[in-house]
Each structure stands twice: as C-alpha cells, then as structure tokens.
Amino acid sequence: MEKLINDFSAGLFLWQIIILCVIIFVLGKFAWKPIVNALEEREAGIADALAAAENAKREMANLKASNEKLLIEARAERDAMLKEAKEVKEKMISEAKEEAQAAGAQMIAQAQATIENEKNLAMAEIKNQVSTLSIEIAEKLLKNQLTDQSAQEQLVGKLLDEIKLN
C-alpha cells in the first residue's frame, strides 16, 4: 500500500476521473434507459404471465366445477332414463301377459263353446236315434199286443192308471 501512495500521480488520477465521468455519462445516455426499459418490460411480462396463470387457474377451477355439475346432471339423467326404460319394459311385459291371458281365456271360451255345441249336436242326434228306435220298438210291441181286443183294453187301463199316478 505504501508503494501506491508513493507512486501516486495527480494527472493520472484526474484523467481517470474524467474518463469515469464520460463513461457514466455515455452509459447513462445510451445504455441505462434501454436496460431499465428492458427490465421494466420483463417485470411487466412476468406480472402479466402470473396474472394469466392465476386467471387460467380460476378458469380451470370453474371448468372443473362445471364439469362435475354436468357429470352429476348426466348421471341423474342416465338414472332417470334407465328408470323410465325399466318402467316401460315392465309395462310392456305386463301388457303382453294380460294380452296372452285374454287370448288364452278367449281360446278356452271358444273351445268350451265348440265342445258344448258338439255335445248338444251329439245329444240331439242320440235323442233322435233313441226316439226313432223307441218308436220302432213301440210300433213292434203295439203290433204284437194290439192284435187281440183284451190286450188293447189292458194296455189302455194300464196307461190310465199311470196317468193318474203322475
């Protein structure tokens, strides 16, 4: 340090101060403002990016909430549609059962009516045959019994007695 103090030159020191002032003046005039402006722009850009990120975060939260709401609504709508489809299915099944039962009952009634008609026709035919046979038998018996007068009188008496009883 003593060497610096011993070798000190006032002229050199003055020139160094002048050069320093010129450099500060030139830097202040031409470089300082652009550097400060660039820093301010960068600071503003960072602030804008942070604000945009915050807005995006809020929008994402809103979208997530609306997505959850839509999902809940979609689930509710799906459940309602499934319930309605189940009700329609059950209604269709019950209607089909009722129609089948009605058709079965109608077929049974038709079959019973057909059987009854066939039975009545068969009974009528049997009655006709029985009456025809009865008439033929009665005719033959009457021919045999009514050949003599006393048999006729006995038959008439017997018929009169039966009529009185009834």
N, C-alpha and C. Protein backbone atom coordinates (compact mmCIF):
# COMPACT_ATOMS: atom_id res chain seq x y z
N MET A 1 0.79 -1.16 0.00
CA MET A 1 0.00 0.00 0.00
C MET A 1 0.87 1.27 0.00
N GLU A 2 1.98 1.20 0.60
CA GLU A 2 2.89 2.33 0.61
C GLU A 2 3.40 2.64 -0.78
N LYS A 3 3.56 1.64 -1.53
CA LYS A 3 4.02 1.83 -2.89
C LYS A 3 2.99 2.62 -3.68
N LEU A 4 1.72 2.35 -3.48
CA LEU A 4 0.66 3.06 -4.19
C LEU A 4 0.66 4.53 -3.78
N ILE A 5 0.84 4.78 -2.54
CA ILE A 5 0.84 6.16 -2.08
C ILE A 5 2.08 6.89 -2.58
N ASN A 6 3.22 6.24 -2.67
CA ASN A 6 4.45 6.86 -3.14
C ASN A 6 4.39 7.08 -4.64
N ASP A 7 3.78 6.19 -5.40
CA ASP A 7 3.72 6.30 -6.86
C ASP A 7 2.51 7.10 -7.32
N PHE A 8 1.78 7.72 -6.43
CA PHE A 8 0.56 8.43 -6.79
C PHE A 8 0.88 9.58 -7.71
N SER A 9 0.06 9.66 -8.82
CA SER A 9 0.23 10.73 -9.78
C SER A 9 -1.08 11.47 -9.89
N ALA A 10 -1.11 12.74 -9.69
CA ALA A 10 -2.32 13.56 -9.71
C ALA A 10 -2.87 13.67 -11.11
N GLY A 11 -2.06 13.73 -12.12
CA GLY A 11 -2.53 13.86 -13.51
C GLY A 11 -3.24 12.60 -13.96
N LEU A 12 -2.66 11.48 -13.62
CA LEU A 12 -3.27 10.21 -13.98
C LEU A 12 -4.63 10.07 -13.27
N PHE A 13 -4.65 10.47 -11.99
CA PHE A 13 -5.88 10.40 -11.22
C PHE A 13 -6.95 11.27 -11.83
N LEU A 14 -6.60 12.45 -12.31
CA LEU A 14 -7.55 13.37 -12.92
C LEU A 14 -8.08 12.78 -14.21
N TRP A 15 -7.23 12.23 -15.01
CA TRP A 15 -7.69 11.63 -16.27
C TRP A 15 -8.61 10.43 -16.00
N GLN A 16 -8.31 9.67 -15.01
CA GLN A 16 -9.16 8.52 -14.68
C GLN A 16 -10.56 9.00 -14.24
N ILE A 17 -10.62 10.08 -13.47
CA ILE A 17 -11.92 10.61 -13.05
C ILE A 17 -12.68 11.15 -14.25
N ILE A 18 -12.01 11.81 -15.17
CA ILE A 18 -12.67 12.35 -16.37
C ILE A 18 -13.20 11.20 -17.22
N ILE A 19 -12.38 10.16 -17.40
CA ILE A 19 -12.81 9.01 -18.23
C ILE A 19 -14.00 8.32 -17.55
N LEU A 20 -13.94 8.20 -16.21
CA LEU A 20 -15.06 7.57 -15.49
C LEU A 20 -16.34 8.39 -15.67
N CYS A 21 -16.24 9.68 -15.58
CA CYS A 21 -17.43 10.54 -15.76
C CYS A 21 -17.96 10.43 -17.18
N VAL A 22 -17.06 10.38 -18.18
CA VAL A 22 -17.50 10.24 -19.58
C VAL A 22 -18.20 8.89 -19.76
N ILE A 23 -17.63 7.84 -19.20
CA ILE A 23 -18.24 6.51 -19.33
C ILE A 23 -19.61 6.50 -18.66
N ILE A 24 -19.71 7.10 -17.47
CA ILE A 24 -21.01 7.14 -16.78
C ILE A 24 -22.00 7.96 -17.59
N PHE A 25 -21.55 9.09 -18.14
CA PHE A 25 -22.45 9.92 -18.96
C PHE A 25 -22.90 9.16 -20.20
N VAL A 26 -22.00 8.50 -20.92
CA VAL A 26 -22.34 7.76 -22.15
C VAL A 26 -23.26 6.58 -21.81
N LEU A 27 -22.91 5.87 -20.74
CA LEU A 27 -23.76 4.74 -20.34
C LEU A 27 -25.15 5.23 -19.92
N GLY A 28 -25.18 6.32 -19.14
CA GLY A 28 -26.46 6.88 -18.70
C GLY A 28 -27.29 7.36 -19.87
N LYS A 29 -26.64 7.94 -20.88
CA LYS A 29 -27.36 8.49 -22.02
C LYS A 29 -27.84 7.40 -22.96
N PHE A 30 -27.00 6.44 -23.26
CA PHE A 30 -27.34 5.45 -24.30
C PHE A 30 -27.69 4.05 -23.76
N ALA A 31 -27.17 3.61 -22.66
CA ALA A 31 -27.37 2.23 -22.23
C ALA A 31 -28.32 2.11 -21.04
N TRP A 32 -28.26 3.08 -20.14
CA TRP A 32 -29.05 2.94 -18.91
C TRP A 32 -30.55 2.87 -19.18
N LYS A 33 -31.10 3.76 -20.02
CA LYS A 33 -32.54 3.77 -20.32
C LYS A 33 -32.99 2.48 -21.00
N PRO A 34 -32.28 1.99 -22.03
CA PRO A 34 -32.73 0.73 -22.63
C PRO A 34 -32.67 -0.43 -21.65
N ILE A 35 -31.64 -0.47 -20.79
CA ILE A 35 -31.54 -1.56 -19.83
C ILE A 35 -32.70 -1.46 -18.83
N VAL A 36 -32.99 -0.27 -18.33
CA VAL A 36 -34.09 -0.07 -17.38
C VAL A 36 -35.42 -0.39 -18.06
N ASN A 37 -35.59 0.06 -19.31
CA ASN A 37 -36.82 -0.24 -20.05
C ASN A 37 -36.98 -1.75 -20.26
N ALA A 38 -35.89 -2.44 -20.60
CA ALA A 38 -35.95 -3.88 -20.81
C ALA A 38 -36.32 -4.58 -19.50
N LEU A 39 -35.74 -4.11 -18.38
CA LEU A 39 -36.08 -4.71 -17.08
C LEU A 39 -37.54 -4.45 -16.72
N GLU A 40 -38.01 -3.23 -16.99
CA GLU A 40 -39.42 -2.91 -16.70
C GLU A 40 -40.36 -3.75 -17.58
N GLU A 41 -40.00 -3.91 -18.85
CA GLU A 41 -40.82 -4.74 -19.75
C GLU A 41 -40.83 -6.20 -19.27
N ARG A 42 -39.67 -6.67 -18.87
CA ARG A 42 -39.59 -8.05 -18.38
C ARG A 42 -40.42 -8.21 -17.11
N GLU A 43 -40.33 -7.22 -16.21
CA GLU A 43 -41.13 -7.26 -14.99
C GLU A 43 -42.62 -7.24 -15.31
N ALA A 44 -43.01 -6.40 -16.27
CA ALA A 44 -44.42 -6.34 -16.67
C ALA A 44 -44.85 -7.66 -17.32
N GLY A 45 -43.96 -8.25 -18.14
CA GLY A 45 -44.26 -9.54 -18.76
C GLY A 45 -44.45 -10.64 -17.72
N ILE A 46 -43.59 -10.63 -16.71
CA ILE A 46 -43.70 -11.63 -15.65
C ILE A 46 -45.00 -11.42 -14.87
N ALA A 47 -45.34 -10.16 -14.57
CA ALA A 47 -46.59 -9.87 -13.85
C ALA A 47 -47.79 -10.30 -14.68
N ASP A 48 -47.75 -10.03 -16.00
CA ASP A 48 -48.85 -10.46 -16.88
C ASP A 48 -48.96 -11.98 -16.92
N ALA A 49 -47.81 -12.65 -16.99
CA ALA A 49 -47.81 -14.11 -17.03
C ALA A 49 -48.37 -14.68 -15.73
N LEU A 50 -48.00 -14.08 -14.59
CA LEU A 50 -48.54 -14.52 -13.30
C LEU A 50 -50.06 -14.29 -13.25
N ALA A 51 -50.51 -13.14 -13.74
CA ALA A 51 -51.95 -12.85 -13.76
C ALA A 51 -52.68 -13.83 -14.69
N ALA A 52 -52.07 -14.10 -15.84
CA ALA A 52 -52.68 -15.05 -16.78
C ALA A 52 -52.73 -16.44 -16.16
N ALA A 53 -51.67 -16.82 -15.45
CA ALA A 53 -51.66 -18.13 -14.79
C ALA A 53 -52.74 -18.19 -13.72
N GLU A 54 -52.89 -17.11 -12.97
CA GLU A 54 -53.94 -17.06 -11.94
C GLU A 54 -55.33 -17.14 -12.58
N ASN A 55 -55.52 -16.41 -13.69
CA ASN A 55 -56.80 -16.48 -14.41
C ASN A 55 -57.05 -17.89 -14.94
N ALA A 56 -56.00 -18.49 -15.49
CA ALA A 56 -56.13 -19.85 -16.02
C ALA A 56 -56.47 -20.82 -14.88
N LYS A 57 -55.86 -20.59 -13.71
CA LYS A 57 -56.14 -21.45 -12.56
C LYS A 57 -57.60 -21.31 -12.13
N ARG A 58 -58.10 -20.05 -12.10
CA ARG A 58 -59.50 -19.82 -11.76
C ARG A 58 -60.43 -20.45 -12.80
N GLU A 59 -60.09 -20.29 -14.07
CA GLU A 59 -60.90 -20.87 -15.14
C GLU A 59 -60.90 -22.40 -15.05
N MET A 60 -59.75 -22.98 -14.74
CA MET A 60 -59.68 -24.43 -14.58
C MET A 60 -60.56 -24.89 -13.41
N ALA A 61 -60.54 -24.12 -12.32
CA ALA A 61 -61.40 -24.46 -11.18
C ALA A 61 -62.87 -24.36 -11.59
N ASN A 62 -63.21 -23.28 -12.33
CA ASN A 62 -64.60 -23.12 -12.80
C ASN A 62 -64.98 -24.24 -13.74
N LEU A 63 -64.08 -24.59 -14.66
CA LEU A 63 -64.35 -25.68 -15.60
C LEU A 63 -64.51 -27.01 -14.87
N LYS A 64 -63.67 -27.22 -13.87
CA LYS A 64 -63.76 -28.47 -13.10
C LYS A 64 -65.10 -28.53 -12.38
N ALA A 65 -65.50 -27.41 -11.79
CA ALA A 65 -66.80 -27.37 -11.09
C ALA A 65 -67.94 -27.59 -12.07
N SER A 66 -67.86 -26.93 -13.23
CA SER A 66 -68.94 -27.10 -14.22
C SER A 66 -68.93 -28.52 -14.79
N ASN A 67 -67.75 -29.09 -14.97
CA ASN A 67 -67.67 -30.49 -15.43
C ASN A 67 -68.29 -31.44 -14.42
N GLU A 68 -67.99 -31.21 -13.14
CA GLU A 68 -68.58 -32.05 -12.10
C GLU A 68 -70.09 -31.89 -12.08
N LYS A 69 -70.56 -30.65 -12.25
CA LYS A 69 -72.00 -30.39 -12.28
C LYS A 69 -72.63 -31.10 -13.48
N LEU A 70 -71.99 -30.99 -14.65
CA LEU A 70 -72.50 -31.67 -15.85
C LEU A 70 -72.49 -33.18 -15.66
N LEU A 71 -71.45 -33.69 -15.03
CA LEU A 71 -71.36 -35.13 -14.79
C LEU A 71 -72.48 -35.59 -13.86
N ILE A 72 -72.75 -34.80 -12.82
CA ILE A 72 -73.84 -35.14 -11.90
C ILE A 72 -75.17 -35.10 -12.64
N GLU A 73 -75.37 -34.07 -13.47
CA GLU A 73 -76.62 -33.96 -14.24
C GLU A 73 -76.74 -35.12 -15.22
N ALA A 74 -75.64 -35.48 -15.86
CA ALA A 74 -75.67 -36.59 -16.82
C ALA A 74 -75.99 -37.89 -16.11
N ARG A 75 -75.42 -38.10 -14.94
CA ARG A 75 -75.72 -39.31 -14.17
C ARG A 75 -77.19 -39.34 -13.77
N ALA A 76 -77.69 -38.20 -13.32
CA ALA A 76 -79.10 -38.13 -12.93
C ALA A 76 -80.00 -38.41 -14.13
N GLU A 77 -79.66 -37.84 -15.27
CA GLU A 77 -80.44 -38.07 -16.49
C GLU A 77 -80.36 -39.53 -16.91
N ARG A 78 -79.16 -40.12 -16.81
CA ARG A 78 -79.00 -41.53 -17.14
C ARG A 78 -79.84 -42.41 -16.23
N ASP A 79 -79.80 -42.09 -14.92
CA ASP A 79 -80.60 -42.86 -13.97
C ASP A 79 -82.09 -42.73 -14.27
N ALA A 80 -82.52 -41.51 -14.62
CA ALA A 80 -83.94 -41.30 -14.95
C ALA A 80 -84.31 -42.08 -16.21
N MET A 81 -83.42 -42.08 -17.21
CA MET A 81 -83.70 -42.81 -18.45
C MET A 81 -83.75 -44.31 -18.18
N LEU A 82 -82.84 -44.82 -17.35
CA LEU A 82 -82.85 -46.24 -17.01
C LEU A 82 -84.12 -46.61 -16.26
N LYS A 83 -84.53 -45.74 -15.34
CA LYS A 83 -85.75 -46.00 -14.58
C LYS A 83 -86.96 -46.01 -15.52
N GLU A 84 -87.00 -45.03 -16.41
CA GLU A 84 -88.11 -44.96 -17.37
C GLU A 84 -88.11 -46.19 -18.28
N ALA A 85 -86.94 -46.59 -18.74
CA ALA A 85 -86.86 -47.77 -19.61
C ALA A 85 -87.31 -49.02 -18.86
N LYS A 86 -86.94 -49.11 -17.58
CA LYS A 86 -87.35 -50.26 -16.77
C LYS A 86 -88.87 -50.27 -16.61
N GLU A 87 -89.44 -49.09 -16.36
CA GLU A 87 -90.90 -49.00 -16.22
C GLU A 87 -91.59 -49.38 -17.52
N VAL A 88 -91.06 -48.91 -18.64
CA VAL A 88 -91.65 -49.24 -19.94
C VAL A 88 -91.56 -50.73 -20.19
N LYS A 89 -90.41 -51.33 -19.83
CA LYS A 89 -90.22 -52.77 -20.01
C LYS A 89 -91.24 -53.54 -19.17
N GLU A 90 -91.38 -53.15 -17.90
CA GLU A 90 -92.32 -53.83 -17.03
C GLU A 90 -93.75 -53.66 -17.52
N LYS A 91 -94.07 -52.48 -18.02
CA LYS A 91 -95.41 -52.22 -18.55
C LYS A 91 -95.67 -53.09 -19.78
N MET A 92 -94.66 -53.17 -20.66
CA MET A 92 -94.81 -53.99 -21.87
C MET A 92 -94.98 -55.46 -21.49
N ILE A 93 -94.21 -55.93 -20.50
CA ILE A 93 -94.32 -57.32 -20.08
C ILE A 93 -95.70 -57.59 -19.49
N SER A 94 -96.18 -56.68 -18.64
CA SER A 94 -97.49 -56.89 -18.02
C SER A 94 -98.60 -56.83 -19.08
N GLU A 95 -98.47 -55.91 -20.05
CA GLU A 95 -99.47 -55.84 -21.12
C GLU A 95 -99.44 -57.12 -21.95
N ALA A 96 -98.24 -57.63 -22.24
CA ALA A 96 -98.14 -58.86 -23.02
C ALA A 96 -98.75 -60.03 -22.24
N LYS A 97 -98.51 -60.07 -20.92
CA LYS A 97 -99.10 -61.13 -20.10
C LYS A 97 -100.62 -61.03 -20.13
N GLU A 98 -101.12 -59.79 -19.97
CA GLU A 98 -102.57 -59.60 -19.97
C GLU A 98 -103.17 -60.01 -21.32
N GLU A 99 -102.51 -59.61 -22.39
CA GLU A 99 -102.99 -59.99 -23.73
C GLU A 99 -102.96 -61.50 -23.91
N ALA A 100 -101.89 -62.13 -23.43
CA ALA A 100 -101.78 -63.59 -23.56
C ALA A 100 -102.87 -64.27 -22.72
N GLN A 101 -103.10 -63.76 -21.52
CA GLN A 101 -104.15 -64.34 -20.68
C GLN A 101 -105.51 -64.14 -21.32
N ALA A 102 -105.75 -62.94 -21.87
CA ALA A 102 -107.04 -62.68 -22.52
C ALA A 102 -107.20 -63.58 -23.73
N ALA A 103 -106.13 -63.71 -24.52
CA ALA A 103 -106.21 -64.58 -25.70
C ALA A 103 -106.43 -66.03 -25.27
N GLY A 104 -105.75 -66.47 -24.22
CA GLY A 104 -105.92 -67.83 -23.71
C GLY A 104 -107.35 -68.05 -23.21
N ALA A 105 -107.86 -67.06 -22.46
CA ALA A 105 -109.23 -67.18 -21.95
C ALA A 105 -110.22 -67.22 -23.12
N GLN A 106 -109.97 -66.40 -24.13
CA GLN A 106 -110.86 -66.38 -25.30
C GLN A 106 -110.79 -67.73 -26.03
N MET A 107 -109.59 -68.28 -26.16
CA MET A 107 -109.46 -69.58 -26.83
C MET A 107 -110.15 -70.67 -26.03
N ILE A 108 -110.02 -70.61 -24.70
CA ILE A 108 -110.68 -71.60 -23.84
C ILE A 108 -112.19 -71.48 -23.97
N ALA A 109 -112.68 -70.21 -23.96
CA ALA A 109 -114.12 -69.99 -24.08
C ALA A 109 -114.62 -70.51 -25.44
N GLN A 110 -113.86 -70.24 -26.50
CA GLN A 110 -114.26 -70.73 -27.83
C GLN A 110 -114.24 -72.25 -27.85
N ALA A 111 -113.22 -72.85 -27.24
CA ALA A 111 -113.15 -74.31 -27.22
C ALA A 111 -114.31 -74.88 -26.42
N GLN A 112 -114.62 -74.26 -25.28
CA GLN A 112 -115.75 -74.73 -24.48
C GLN A 112 -117.06 -74.59 -25.25
N ALA A 113 -117.22 -73.45 -25.95
CA ALA A 113 -118.44 -73.26 -26.74
C ALA A 113 -118.52 -74.30 -27.85
N THR A 114 -117.38 -74.56 -28.49
CA THR A 114 -117.36 -75.57 -29.56
C THR A 114 -117.70 -76.95 -28.99
N ILE A 115 -117.11 -77.26 -27.84
CA ILE A 115 -117.39 -78.55 -27.20
C ILE A 115 -118.87 -78.64 -26.83
N GLU A 116 -119.40 -77.56 -26.27
CA GLU A 116 -120.82 -77.54 -25.89
C GLU A 116 -121.71 -77.73 -27.11
N ASN A 117 -121.35 -77.04 -28.20
CA ASN A 117 -122.14 -77.18 -29.44
C ASN A 117 -122.07 -78.62 -29.96
N GLU A 118 -120.85 -79.17 -29.97
CA GLU A 118 -120.69 -80.55 -30.44
C GLU A 118 -121.45 -81.51 -29.54
N LYS A 119 -121.41 -81.26 -28.24
CA LYS A 119 -122.12 -82.10 -27.29
C LYS A 119 -123.63 -82.02 -27.54
N ASN A 120 -124.12 -80.78 -27.71
CA ASN A 120 -125.55 -80.61 -27.97
C ASN A 120 -125.96 -81.30 -29.27
N LEU A 121 -125.11 -81.16 -30.29
CA LEU A 121 -125.42 -81.82 -31.56
C LEU A 121 -125.42 -83.34 -31.39
N ALA A 122 -124.43 -83.85 -30.65
CA ALA A 122 -124.36 -85.29 -30.42
C ALA A 122 -125.58 -85.75 -29.62
N MET A 123 -125.95 -84.97 -28.57
CA MET A 123 -127.11 -85.32 -27.76
C MET A 123 -128.38 -85.29 -28.60
N ALA A 124 -128.49 -84.28 -29.47
CA ALA A 124 -129.68 -84.20 -30.32
C ALA A 124 -129.73 -85.40 -31.26
N GLU A 125 -128.57 -85.75 -31.79
CA GLU A 125 -128.54 -86.89 -32.70
C GLU A 125 -128.88 -88.18 -31.96
N ILE A 126 -128.32 -88.31 -30.72
CA ILE A 126 -128.63 -89.50 -29.92
C ILE A 126 -130.12 -89.54 -29.59
N LYS A 127 -130.67 -88.38 -29.21
CA LYS A 127 -132.10 -88.32 -28.90
C LYS A 127 -132.94 -88.73 -30.11
N ASN A 128 -132.52 -88.21 -31.27
CA ASN A 128 -133.25 -88.57 -32.49
C ASN A 128 -133.18 -90.07 -32.73
N GLN A 129 -131.98 -90.62 -32.55
CA GLN A 129 -131.83 -92.05 -32.77
C GLN A 129 -132.61 -92.86 -31.73
N VAL A 130 -132.55 -92.41 -30.45
CA VAL A 130 -133.28 -93.10 -29.39
C VAL A 130 -134.78 -93.00 -29.65
N SER A 131 -135.22 -91.80 -30.03
CA SER A 131 -136.66 -91.65 -30.29
C SER A 131 -137.09 -92.50 -31.49
N THR A 132 -136.23 -92.55 -32.51
CA THR A 132 -136.55 -93.37 -33.67
C THR A 132 -136.61 -94.84 -33.26
N LEU A 133 -135.60 -95.28 -32.48
CA LEU A 133 -135.59 -96.67 -32.01
C LEU A 133 -136.79 -96.94 -31.09
N SER A 134 -137.10 -95.98 -30.21
CA SER A 134 -138.23 -96.16 -29.30
C SER A 134 -139.53 -96.28 -30.08
N ILE A 135 -139.65 -95.45 -31.09
CA ILE A 135 -140.87 -95.50 -31.90
C ILE A 135 -140.95 -96.84 -32.62
N GLU A 136 -139.83 -97.28 -33.15
CA GLU A 136 -139.85 -98.56 -33.87
C GLU A 136 -140.17 -99.72 -32.91
N ILE A 137 -139.53 -99.67 -31.70
CA ILE A 137 -139.79 -100.72 -30.72
C ILE A 137 -141.25 -100.67 -30.28
N ALA A 138 -141.74 -99.46 -30.00
CA ALA A 138 -143.12 -99.32 -29.57
C ALA A 138 -144.08 -99.79 -30.67
N GLU A 139 -143.72 -99.50 -31.87
CA GLU A 139 -144.55 -99.91 -33.01
C GLU A 139 -144.63 -101.42 -33.08
N LYS A 140 -143.50 -102.07 -32.92
CA LYS A 140 -143.47 -103.53 -32.98
C LYS A 140 -144.24 -104.14 -31.81
N LEU A 141 -144.03 -103.54 -30.60
CA LEU A 141 -144.73 -104.05 -29.45
C LEU A 141 -146.24 -103.86 -29.59
N LEU A 142 -146.62 -102.69 -30.06
CA LEU A 142 -148.05 -102.42 -30.22
C LEU A 142 -148.67 -103.34 -31.27
N LYS A 143 -147.93 -103.64 -32.30
CA LYS A 143 -148.46 -104.55 -33.32
C LYS A 143 -148.72 -105.92 -32.72
N ASN A 144 -147.76 -106.37 -31.85
CA ASN A 144 -147.91 -107.68 -31.23
C ASN A 144 -149.02 -107.66 -30.18
N GLN A 145 -149.08 -106.63 -29.37
CA GLN A 145 -150.02 -106.62 -28.26
C GLN A 145 -151.43 -106.22 -28.69
N LEU A 146 -151.50 -105.43 -29.71
CA LEU A 146 -152.82 -104.93 -30.08
C LEU A 146 -153.51 -105.84 -31.11
N THR A 147 -153.02 -106.97 -31.28
CA THR A 147 -153.67 -107.90 -32.21
C THR A 147 -154.96 -108.46 -31.62
N ASP A 148 -155.03 -108.54 -30.33
CA ASP A 148 -156.31 -109.01 -29.78
C ASP A 148 -156.92 -107.91 -28.92
N GLN A 149 -158.25 -107.98 -28.73
CA GLN A 149 -159.03 -106.93 -28.11
C GLN A 149 -158.74 -106.85 -26.61
N SER A 150 -158.56 -107.92 -25.93
CA SER A 150 -158.36 -107.89 -24.48
C SER A 150 -157.00 -107.26 -24.13
N ALA A 151 -155.99 -107.47 -24.94
CA ALA A 151 -154.67 -106.87 -24.70
C ALA A 151 -154.75 -105.37 -24.88
N GLN A 152 -155.58 -104.91 -25.78
CA GLN A 152 -155.71 -103.47 -26.00
C GLN A 152 -156.38 -102.82 -24.79
N GLU A 153 -157.39 -103.52 -24.25
CA GLU A 153 -158.09 -102.96 -23.12
C GLU A 153 -157.17 -102.92 -21.89
N GLN A 154 -156.35 -103.91 -21.70
CA GLN A 154 -155.41 -103.94 -20.58
C GLN A 154 -154.39 -102.80 -20.72
N LEU A 155 -153.88 -102.57 -21.91
CA LEU A 155 -152.89 -101.51 -22.15
C LEU A 155 -153.50 -100.15 -21.86
N VAL A 156 -154.71 -99.92 -22.31
CA VAL A 156 -155.37 -98.64 -22.08
C VAL A 156 -155.58 -98.44 -20.59
N GLY A 157 -156.00 -99.47 -19.90
CA GLY A 157 -156.21 -99.37 -18.46
C GLY A 157 -154.91 -99.07 -17.73
N LYS A 158 -153.90 -99.74 -18.13
CA LYS A 158 -152.59 -99.53 -17.51
C LYS A 158 -152.11 -98.11 -17.74
N LEU A 159 -152.25 -97.59 -18.93
CA LEU A 159 -151.83 -96.20 -19.24
C LEU A 159 -152.64 -95.22 -18.44
N LEU A 160 -153.93 -95.48 -18.26
CA LEU A 160 -154.77 -94.58 -17.48
C LEU A 160 -154.34 -94.58 -16.02
N ASP A 161 -153.98 -95.75 -15.50
CA ASP A 161 -153.51 -95.82 -14.12
C ASP A 161 -152.20 -95.03 -13.94
N GLU A 162 -151.32 -95.11 -14.91
CA GLU A 162 -150.04 -94.38 -14.83
C GLU A 162 -150.29 -92.87 -14.91
N ILE A 163 -151.24 -92.48 -15.70
CA ILE A 163 -151.53 -91.05 -15.81
C ILE A 163 -152.08 -90.53 -14.51
N LYS A 164 -152.89 -91.28 -13.83
CA LYS A 164 -153.46 -90.87 -12.56
C LYS A 164 -152.39 -90.74 -11.50
N LEU A 165 -151.36 -91.58 -11.56
CA LEU A 165 -150.28 -91.54 -10.57
C LEU A 165 -149.41 -90.32 -10.70
N ASN A 166 -149.20 -89.90 -11.88
CA ASN A 166 -148.31 -88.76 -12.11
C ASN A 166 -149.07 -87.54 -11.76
